[in-house]
Protein backbone atom coordinates (compact mmCIF):
# COMPACT_ATOMS: atom_id res chain seq x y z
CA UNK A 1 66.16 60.64 -4.62
CA UNK A 2 65.28 63.70 -2.56
CA UNK A 3 65.27 63.74 1.22
CA UNK A 4 62.03 65.11 2.64
CA UNK A 5 62.98 66.05 6.21
CA UNK A 6 61.00 68.38 8.42
CA UNK A 7 63.43 70.71 10.19
CA UNK A 8 62.39 73.95 11.86
CA UNK A 9 65.69 75.82 11.86
CA UNK A 10 66.65 78.35 9.20
CA UNK A 11 69.75 76.47 8.24
CA UNK A 12 67.84 73.35 7.26
CA UNK A 13 64.78 74.66 5.42
CA UNK A 14 66.07 73.80 1.96
CA UNK A 15 67.27 70.28 2.62
CA UNK A 16 64.71 68.55 0.46
CA UNK A 17 65.64 70.74 -2.51
CA UNK A 18 69.40 70.72 -2.13
CA UNK A 19 70.38 67.14 -1.18
CA UNK A 20 72.67 65.95 -3.97
CA UNK A 21 74.07 62.52 -4.68
CA UNK A 22 74.90 61.02 -1.28
CA UNK A 23 77.58 58.39 -1.36
CA UNK A 24 75.37 56.12 0.72
CA UNK A 25 75.48 52.65 -0.80
CA UNK A 26 71.99 51.70 0.27
CA UNK A 27 70.46 54.80 -1.31
CA UNK A 28 72.41 54.15 -4.48
CA UNK A 29 70.94 50.65 -4.62
CA UNK A 30 67.49 52.11 -4.06
CA UNK A 31 67.97 54.53 -6.94
CA UNK A 32 69.10 51.72 -9.21
CA UNK A 33 66.11 49.65 -8.15
CA UNK A 34 63.71 52.46 -9.01
CA UNK A 35 65.53 53.58 -12.18
CA UNK A 36 65.59 57.06 -10.61
CA UNK A 37 69.00 58.53 -11.38
CA UNK A 38 69.54 62.11 -10.24
CA UNK A 39 69.97 64.50 -13.18
CA UNK A 40 73.24 66.39 -13.46
CA UNK A 41 71.80 69.69 -14.69
CA UNK A 42 68.61 71.63 -15.15
CA UNK A 43 67.89 70.39 -18.67
CA UNK A 44 68.30 66.76 -17.72
CA UNK A 45 66.02 67.39 -14.72
CA UNK A 46 63.31 68.68 -17.04
CA UNK A 47 63.70 65.69 -19.29
CA UNK A 48 63.52 63.37 -16.29
CA UNK A 49 60.36 64.98 -14.97
CA UNK A 50 58.71 64.72 -18.40
CA UNK A 51 59.81 61.19 -19.27
CA UNK A 52 56.21 59.98 -19.24
CA UNK A 53 54.74 63.12 -20.80
CA UNK A 54 54.21 61.44 -24.17
CA UNK A 55 52.21 58.57 -22.74
CA UNK A 56 53.25 55.19 -21.41
CA UNK A 57 56.93 54.37 -20.86
CA UNK A 58 58.68 52.66 -23.72
CA UNK A 59 61.63 50.34 -24.20
CA UNK A 60 63.54 49.10 -21.15
CA UNK A 61 61.27 50.95 -18.71
CA UNK A 62 58.20 49.13 -20.00
CA UNK A 63 60.04 45.79 -19.96
CA UNK A 64 61.11 46.36 -16.37
CA UNK A 65 57.54 47.24 -15.39
CA UNK A 66 56.26 44.06 -17.04
CA UNK A 67 58.89 41.99 -15.20
CA UNK A 68 57.97 43.59 -11.87
CA UNK A 69 54.25 42.93 -12.46
CA UNK A 70 54.95 39.32 -13.42
CA UNK A 71 57.14 38.80 -10.35
CA UNK A 72 54.53 40.31 -8.02
CA UNK A 73 51.72 38.25 -9.57
CA UNK A 74 53.75 35.05 -9.25
CA UNK A 75 54.37 35.73 -5.56
CA UNK A 76 50.68 36.48 -4.99
CA UNK A 77 49.69 33.24 -6.71
CA UNK A 78 52.11 31.32 -4.48
CA UNK A 79 50.17 32.39 -1.34
CA UNK A 80 48.04 29.38 -0.40
CA UNK A 81 47.10 30.14 3.22
CA UNK A 82 45.37 33.14 4.78
CA UNK A 83 44.00 31.68 8.04
CA UNK A 84 45.69 30.48 11.22
CA UNK A 85 48.94 32.15 10.23
CA UNK A 86 51.99 31.56 12.44
CA UNK A 87 53.00 34.39 14.79
CA UNK A 88 55.04 37.14 13.19
CA UNK A 89 58.57 37.32 14.56
CA UNK A 90 60.63 40.01 12.87
CA UNK A 91 64.31 40.09 13.81
CA UNK A 92 65.93 43.50 13.46
CA UNK A 93 68.58 43.55 10.79
CA UNK A 94 71.90 45.22 11.45
CA UNK A 95 72.25 48.70 9.87
CA UNK A 96 68.63 48.79 8.81
CA UNK A 97 66.84 51.90 7.58
CA UNK A 98 65.19 52.39 10.97
CA UNK A 99 68.54 53.25 12.59
CA UNK A 100 69.45 56.07 10.21
CA UNK A 101 69.70 59.54 11.73
CA UNK A 102 69.58 63.06 10.36
CA UNK A 103 71.90 65.60 11.99
CA UNK A 104 71.09 69.25 11.38
CA UNK A 105 72.40 72.67 12.37
CA UNK A 106 76.02 71.59 12.04
CA UNK A 107 78.99 73.96 11.78
CA UNK A 108 80.13 74.54 8.23
CA UNK A 109 83.61 73.11 8.92
CA UNK A 110 82.45 69.79 10.34
CA UNK A 111 84.04 66.60 8.96
CA UNK A 112 82.99 62.97 8.65
CA UNK A 113 85.62 61.98 11.22
CA UNK A 114 84.06 64.30 13.80
CA UNK A 115 80.57 62.90 13.22
CA UNK A 116 81.87 59.33 13.39
CA UNK A 117 83.80 59.91 16.62
CA UNK A 118 80.79 61.70 18.16
CA UNK A 119 78.50 58.69 17.58
CA UNK A 120 81.07 55.91 17.99
CA UNK A 121 80.33 55.42 21.69
CA UNK A 122 76.73 54.45 20.91
CA UNK A 123 77.56 51.57 18.59
CA UNK A 124 78.94 50.75 15.18
CA UNK A 125 78.46 53.41 12.51
CA UNK A 126 78.12 53.22 8.78
CA UNK A 127 77.23 55.32 5.76
CA UNK A 128 78.27 58.73 7.08
CA UNK A 129 77.46 61.56 4.71
CA UNK A 130 78.18 65.23 5.44
CA UNK A 131 76.99 68.20 3.41
CA UNK A 132 78.94 71.20 4.78
CA UNK A 133 77.26 73.61 2.36
CA UNK A 134 73.86 73.00 3.97
CA UNK A 135 75.19 72.08 7.42
CA UNK A 136 73.54 68.70 7.77
CA UNK A 137 74.65 65.08 7.75
CA UNK A 138 73.37 61.51 7.83
CA UNK A 139 74.66 58.55 9.79
CA UNK A 140 73.50 55.00 10.31
CA UNK A 141 74.02 53.03 13.50
CA UNK A 142 73.95 49.29 13.92
CA UNK A 143 70.63 48.94 15.77
CA UNK A 144 67.55 51.05 16.43
CA UNK A 145 68.03 51.02 20.21
CA UNK A 146 71.53 52.49 19.88
CA UNK A 147 70.31 55.08 17.39
CA UNK A 148 67.46 56.05 19.71
CA UNK A 149 69.87 56.45 22.63
CA UNK A 150 72.24 58.58 20.53
CA UNK A 151 69.36 60.75 19.33
CA UNK A 152 68.05 61.30 22.86
CA UNK A 153 71.42 62.11 24.41
CA UNK A 154 72.92 64.19 21.60
CA UNK A 155 69.83 66.22 20.74
CA UNK A 156 70.74 69.85 21.40
CA UNK A 157 74.42 69.02 21.85
CA UNK A 158 76.54 72.15 21.54
CA UNK A 159 79.10 71.68 18.79
CA UNK A 160 81.19 74.85 18.40
CA UNK A 161 78.26 77.09 19.29
CA UNK A 162 75.64 75.17 17.21
CA UNK A 163 72.94 73.08 18.90
CA UNK A 164 72.54 69.82 17.03
CA UNK A 165 69.14 68.74 15.72
CA UNK A 166 68.95 64.95 15.54
CA UNK A 167 65.99 63.07 14.18
CA UNK A 168 65.26 59.76 12.57
CA UNK A 169 65.07 59.94 8.79
CA UNK A 170 61.84 59.04 7.09
CA UNK A 171 61.93 55.26 6.77
CA UNK A 172 61.00 53.37 3.63
CA UNK A 173 57.48 53.10 5.01
CA UNK A 174 53.91 53.40 3.78
CA UNK A 175 50.68 54.16 5.60
CA UNK A 176 47.86 51.71 4.85
CA UNK A 177 44.19 52.52 5.47
CA UNK A 178 40.74 51.02 4.84
CA UNK A 179 41.69 47.65 6.32
CA UNK A 180 39.11 45.09 7.37
CA UNK A 181 38.83 44.40 11.13
CA UNK A 182 39.97 40.82 10.41
CA UNK A 183 43.35 41.86 8.96
CA UNK A 184 46.20 41.12 11.38
CA UNK A 185 49.91 41.87 11.45
CA UNK A 186 50.64 38.44 10.01
CA UNK A 187 48.24 38.77 7.07
CA UNK A 188 49.49 42.29 6.37
CA UNK A 189 53.08 41.04 6.31
CA UNK A 190 52.14 38.11 4.06
CA UNK A 191 50.31 40.35 1.58
CA UNK A 192 52.84 43.18 1.30
CA UNK A 193 55.96 41.00 1.35
CA UNK A 194 55.36 40.45 -2.38
CA UNK A 195 56.68 43.98 -2.98
CA UNK A 196 59.95 43.46 -1.09
CA UNK A 197 61.56 42.61 2.24
CA UNK A 198 59.81 44.11 5.27
CA UNK A 199 61.53 45.31 8.43
CA UNK A 200 58.43 46.02 10.49
CA UNK A 201 54.67 46.14 10.09
CA UNK A 202 51.89 46.63 12.61
CA UNK A 203 48.18 47.36 12.80
CA UNK A 204 47.24 50.54 14.68
CA UNK A 205 44.80 49.74 17.52
CA UNK A 206 42.72 51.82 19.93
CA UNK A 207 42.82 51.81 23.70
CA UNK A 208 40.76 48.60 23.75
CA UNK A 209 43.11 46.77 21.42
CA UNK A 210 40.71 46.82 18.44
CA UNK A 211 41.98 47.53 14.98
CA UNK A 212 41.47 51.04 13.62
CA UNK A 213 41.72 49.78 10.06
CA UNK A 214 45.11 51.46 9.61
CA UNK A 215 48.66 50.16 9.57
CA UNK A 216 52.30 51.08 9.02
CA UNK A 217 54.66 48.97 6.91
CA UNK A 218 58.41 49.62 6.88
CA UNK A 219 60.34 48.10 3.99
CA UNK A 220 64.05 47.44 3.82
CA UNK A 221 64.40 49.44 0.60
CA UNK A 222 62.62 52.60 -0.46
CA UNK A 223 62.14 51.11 -3.90
CA UNK A 224 59.85 48.47 -2.42
CA UNK A 225 57.76 51.12 -0.68
CA UNK A 226 57.51 53.07 -3.95
CA UNK A 227 56.39 50.03 -5.90
CA UNK A 228 53.80 49.11 -3.25
CA UNK A 229 52.36 52.64 -3.20
CA UNK A 230 52.26 52.80 -6.99
CA UNK A 231 50.63 49.41 -7.53
CA UNK A 232 48.04 49.92 -4.80
CA UNK A 233 47.20 53.42 -6.07
CA UNK A 234 46.86 52.39 -9.72
CA UNK A 235 45.03 49.14 -8.97
CA UNK A 236 42.73 47.69 -6.30
CA UNK A 237 44.70 45.53 -3.88
CA UNK A 238 42.26 43.40 -1.84
CA UNK A 239 43.50 41.36 1.12
CA UNK A 240 40.42 39.28 2.05
CA UNK A 241 37.06 38.15 0.68
CA UNK A 242 35.77 41.59 1.58
CA UNK A 243 35.93 43.87 -1.43
CA UNK A 244 37.60 46.70 0.50
CA UNK A 245 40.79 47.73 -1.31
CA UNK A 246 43.64 49.07 0.74
CA UNK A 247 44.46 52.78 0.54
CA UNK A 248 48.21 53.40 0.58
CA UNK A 249 49.76 56.78 1.38
CA UNK A 250 53.23 58.01 2.13
CA UNK A 251 54.06 57.58 5.79
CA UNK A 252 54.91 60.74 7.70
CA UNK A 253 55.87 60.18 11.37
CA UNK A 254 53.39 62.32 13.32
CA UNK A 255 55.36 62.75 16.54
CA UNK A 256 58.89 63.12 17.84
CA UNK A 257 59.80 62.36 21.41
CA UNK A 258 61.99 65.48 21.54
CA UNK A 259 59.16 67.70 20.38
CA UNK A 260 59.96 71.36 19.80
CA UNK A 261 62.55 72.52 22.33
CA UNK A 262 63.36 76.12 23.15
CA UNK A 263 66.65 76.02 21.29
CA UNK A 264 64.77 75.54 18.02
CA UNK A 265 62.43 78.51 18.50
CA UNK A 266 62.97 81.40 16.11
CA UNK A 267 63.80 84.65 17.91
CA UNK A 268 61.70 87.07 15.85
CA UNK A 269 59.13 89.80 16.60
CA UNK A 270 56.26 87.37 16.99
CA UNK A 271 58.27 85.35 19.49
CA UNK A 272 59.03 88.33 21.75
CA UNK A 273 55.51 89.81 21.40
CA UNK A 274 53.80 86.59 22.50
CA UNK A 275 56.29 85.94 25.28
CA UNK A 276 55.58 89.32 26.93
CA UNK A 277 52.87 87.76 29.10
CA UNK A 278 53.02 84.66 31.25
CA UNK A 279 50.49 81.79 31.44
CA UNK A 280 47.18 82.73 33.17
CA UNK A 281 43.41 82.12 33.26
CA UNK A 282 41.27 84.79 31.60
CA UNK A 283 38.78 86.51 33.91
CA UNK A 284 35.12 86.32 32.79
CA UNK A 285 33.77 89.51 31.24
CA UNK A 286 37.13 90.74 30.10
CA UNK A 287 38.39 91.33 26.58
CA UNK A 288 40.69 88.32 26.82
CA UNK A 289 37.88 86.07 27.99
CA UNK A 290 35.54 87.08 25.11
CA UNK A 291 38.05 86.25 22.40
CA UNK A 292 39.26 83.13 24.18
CA UNK A 293 35.61 82.01 24.29
CA UNK A 294 35.25 82.60 20.57
CA UNK A 295 38.32 80.44 19.93
CA UNK A 296 36.80 77.67 22.03
CA UNK A 297 33.47 77.98 20.20
CA UNK A 298 35.31 77.65 16.89
CA UNK A 299 36.96 74.43 18.05
CA UNK A 300 33.61 73.12 19.27
CA UNK A 301 32.14 73.73 15.81
CA UNK A 302 35.09 71.89 14.31
CA UNK A 303 34.55 69.00 16.70
CA UNK A 304 30.81 68.85 15.88
CA UNK A 305 31.46 68.94 12.16
CA UNK A 306 34.10 66.23 12.45
CA UNK A 307 31.75 64.11 14.53
CA UNK A 308 28.96 64.62 11.99
CA UNK A 309 31.33 63.82 9.14
CA UNK A 310 32.56 60.68 10.89
CA UNK A 311 28.97 59.58 11.53
CA UNK A 312 28.09 60.17 7.88
CA UNK A 313 31.16 58.28 6.72
CA UNK A 314 30.36 55.45 9.12
CA UNK A 315 26.81 55.26 7.74
CA UNK A 316 28.12 55.27 4.17
CA UNK A 317 30.61 52.53 5.04
CA UNK A 318 27.87 50.39 6.57
CA UNK A 319 25.66 50.94 3.53
CA UNK A 320 28.51 50.09 1.18
CA UNK A 321 29.28 47.00 3.26
CA UNK A 322 25.65 45.83 2.99
CA UNK A 323 25.53 46.54 -0.74
CA UNK A 324 28.81 44.69 -1.15
CA UNK A 325 27.51 41.60 0.67
CA UNK A 326 24.30 41.62 -1.39
CA UNK A 327 26.28 42.07 -4.60
CA UNK A 328 28.59 39.23 -3.63
CA UNK A 329 25.59 37.00 -2.97
CA UNK A 330 24.01 37.91 -6.32
CA UNK A 331 27.32 37.43 -8.11
CA UNK A 332 27.82 34.04 -6.49
CA UNK A 333 24.24 33.08 -7.35
CA UNK A 334 24.72 34.05 -11.00
CA UNK A 335 27.97 32.15 -11.11
CA UNK A 336 26.34 29.03 -9.69
CA UNK A 337 23.47 29.37 -12.17
CA UNK A 338 25.90 29.56 -15.05
CA UNK A 339 27.77 26.56 -13.69
CA UNK A 340 24.47 24.67 -13.38
CA UNK A 341 23.56 25.54 -16.96
CA UNK A 342 26.93 24.31 -18.14
CA UNK A 343 26.47 21.11 -16.14
CA UNK A 344 23.01 20.61 -17.69
CA UNK A 345 24.45 21.12 -21.16
CA UNK A 346 27.22 18.65 -20.40
CA UNK A 347 24.69 16.17 -19.07
CA UNK A 348 22.56 16.45 -22.22
CA UNK A 349 25.64 16.07 -24.38
CA UNK A 350 26.79 13.01 -22.46
CA UNK A 351 23.25 11.56 -22.62
CA UNK A 352 23.11 12.02 -26.40
CA UNK A 353 26.55 10.50 -26.81
CA UNK A 354 25.53 7.51 -24.67
CA UNK A 355 22.30 6.99 -26.60
CA UNK A 356 24.19 7.13 -29.90
CA UNK A 357 26.74 4.68 -28.59
CA UNK A 358 23.99 2.37 -27.33
CA UNK A 359 22.30 2.39 -30.75
CA UNK A 360 25.62 1.63 -32.41
CA UNK A 361 26.17 -1.28 -30.02
CA UNK A 362 22.66 -2.62 -30.69
CA UNK A 363 23.16 -2.36 -34.47
CA UNK A 364 26.46 -4.14 -34.23
CA UNK A 365 24.95 -6.90 -32.07
CA UNK A 366 22.09 -7.31 -34.58
CA UNK A 367 24.52 -7.59 -37.50
CA UNK A 368 26.61 -10.15 -35.62
CA UNK A 369 23.49 -12.18 -34.76
CA UNK A 370 22.36 -12.21 -38.39
CA UNK A 371 25.81 -13.18 -39.55
CA UNK A 372 25.89 -15.98 -36.98
CA UNK A 373 22.49 -17.32 -38.04
CA UNK A 374 23.50 -17.29 -41.72
CA UNK A 375 26.72 -19.11 -41.02
CA UNK A 376 24.85 -21.72 -38.92
CA UNK A 377 22.34 -22.38 -41.70
CA UNK A 378 25.12 -22.79 -44.26
CA UNK A 379 27.04 -25.13 -41.96
CA UNK A 380 23.86 -27.15 -41.28
CA UNK A 381 23.24 -27.63 -45.03
CA UNK A 382 26.82 -28.67 -45.49
CA UNK A 383 26.48 -31.17 -42.63
CA UNK A 384 23.32 -32.67 -44.22
CA UNK A 385 25.04 -33.09 -47.57
CA UNK A 386 28.03 -34.63 -45.84
CA UNK A 387 25.80 -37.21 -44.08
CA UNK A 388 24.04 -38.08 -47.31
CA UNK A 389 27.36 -38.49 -49.09
CA UNK A 390 28.66 -40.67 -46.27
CA UNK A 391 25.57 -42.90 -46.44
CA UNK A 392 25.91 -43.26 -50.21
CA UNK A 393 29.58 -44.11 -49.90
CA UNK A 394 28.76 -46.80 -47.36
CA UNK A 395 26.08 -48.27 -49.66
CA UNK A 396 28.45 -48.22 -52.63
CA UNK A 397 31.17 -49.97 -50.68
CA UNK A 398 28.77 -52.71 -49.59
CA UNK A 399 27.45 -53.02 -53.14
CA UNK A 400 30.93 -53.33 -54.57
CA UNK A 401 31.79 -56.03 -52.05
CA UNK A 402 28.59 -57.86 -52.93
CA UNK A 403 29.24 -57.55 -56.69
CA UNK A 404 32.78 -58.83 -56.24
CA UNK A 405 31.57 -61.80 -54.34
CA UNK A 406 28.83 -62.51 -56.92
CA UNK A 407 31.23 -62.20 -59.84
CA UNK A 408 33.61 -64.61 -58.27
CA UNK A 409 30.77 -67.04 -57.59
CA UNK A 410 29.18 -66.54 -61.05
CA UNK A 411 32.31 -67.23 -63.08
CA UNK A 412 33.02 -70.41 -61.23
CA UNK A 413 29.71 -72.27 -61.05
CA UNK A 414 26.87 -70.37 -62.66
CA UNK A 415 24.71 -71.31 -65.62
CA UNK A 416 23.29 -69.26 -68.36
CA UNK A 417 19.99 -68.86 -66.60
CA UNK A 418 21.67 -67.63 -63.51
CA UNK A 419 23.58 -65.06 -65.56
CA UNK A 420 20.32 -63.85 -67.12
CA UNK A 421 18.78 -63.38 -63.70
CA UNK A 422 21.82 -61.49 -62.57
CA UNK A 423 21.57 -59.10 -65.53
CA UNK A 424 17.95 -58.39 -64.73
CA UNK A 425 18.80 -57.57 -61.13
CA UNK A 426 21.60 -55.35 -62.35
CA UNK A 427 19.21 -53.36 -64.49
CA UNK A 428 16.84 -52.93 -61.56
CA UNK A 429 19.70 -51.71 -59.34
CA UNK A 430 20.65 -49.10 -61.91
CA UNK A 431 17.16 -47.70 -61.85
CA UNK A 432 17.39 -47.49 -58.04
CA UNK A 433 20.65 -45.49 -58.22
CA UNK A 434 19.05 -43.05 -60.63
CA UNK A 435 16.21 -42.49 -58.17
CA UNK A 436 18.67 -41.48 -55.36
CA UNK A 437 19.72 -38.33 -57.18
CA UNK A 438 20.07 -37.00 -60.66
CA UNK A 439 23.45 -35.31 -59.99
CA UNK A 440 24.96 -38.19 -58.10
CA UNK A 441 27.42 -40.42 -59.90
CA UNK A 442 28.10 -43.54 -57.84
CA UNK A 443 31.75 -44.33 -57.52
CA UNK A 444 33.04 -47.70 -58.55
CA UNK A 445 29.77 -48.82 -60.33
CA UNK A 446 30.57 -51.01 -63.32
CA UNK A 447 28.02 -52.54 -65.59
CA UNK A 448 28.48 -56.09 -66.71
CA UNK A 449 28.99 -56.82 -70.36
CA UNK A 450 27.34 -59.71 -72.08
């Protein structure tokens, strides 16, 4: 991981190209997180720079990318609130990346013990790294306030004839643009916390306190900032219902409270030639005034062009905003139409299923009614036959009793004439039984023998 540090002295111009393998534990963790191991020689550096030359990454690199995407998507899906967010209260962590200092223009014989003792009075120190070959070092203090105090007081400190250059290192930060006016610090923190732990984030506002649509986010690890910049550059990360994707760039601090002091100025020919004359106002009509006026005219043209460009961009943004709202309305209308068509199809399907079910119920009721009527008719016929049989049985029983009584009376005191009359009545009774039914055989009927 290279260190991109802006230093104006000759001794520190090649820092970004020559920083090699710091022993800093945090940076080592960042390198492991990003799978960005520093090559040991030129050939390995070429292979590292061309590791994606053949196309997409393969093997473990692809698997790690898939895991990262899945983890980020899971965290995004877990966000269930984007309004009325609680106030953001970020507590500064001890030995965070914001309290890391760069120390330049050091003597070549400086040691870690000297650097530690020099900064010890400002607070606890950690992760001291010294590169005597390039005369620079890094140190981390416990809190940002202590690091700021050490930077302010030790800037330009004379250490064995060398004036120290102390600046904050570039934090693991990103610069976010194209934000909606309704995006706040809390929503920004909620959205970008899916990429990693955040130390600080804030929306940049104007003098009236209105959002400029830009923000700065400082992560705990540089790997998180790298992943956020990569994902937002390759895809479209949208924070609200507005279809404005965020634009993420590398954050470069645009000011330093120490500025550019005299001790950092290069003593060359241009320096001495420009410093020959002191500050003054040019007199009108002079050579100085004419060329000074041309410089001012050039800046006025630049200002007019920038104003015109900003107006044009503002008009294009408003037009795009209107087109976006209209497109959203049309898209929502089409979606509702499709949903309505699906509902109509479901309603027709349910109606057909209900009609079919109703017909089935009616057919089943009709079959049950017919079956019930048939069974009733059969049972009614059976009941009629049973009544007839009961009546016949009753008649036969009475007839048998009567015959028994007559036989007893006939054998005891009857005459021949009486027996002849009895036989005639018996024959008549037989004809009556035959008339009751052809298939009926009376039980217990016995004919008398002469």
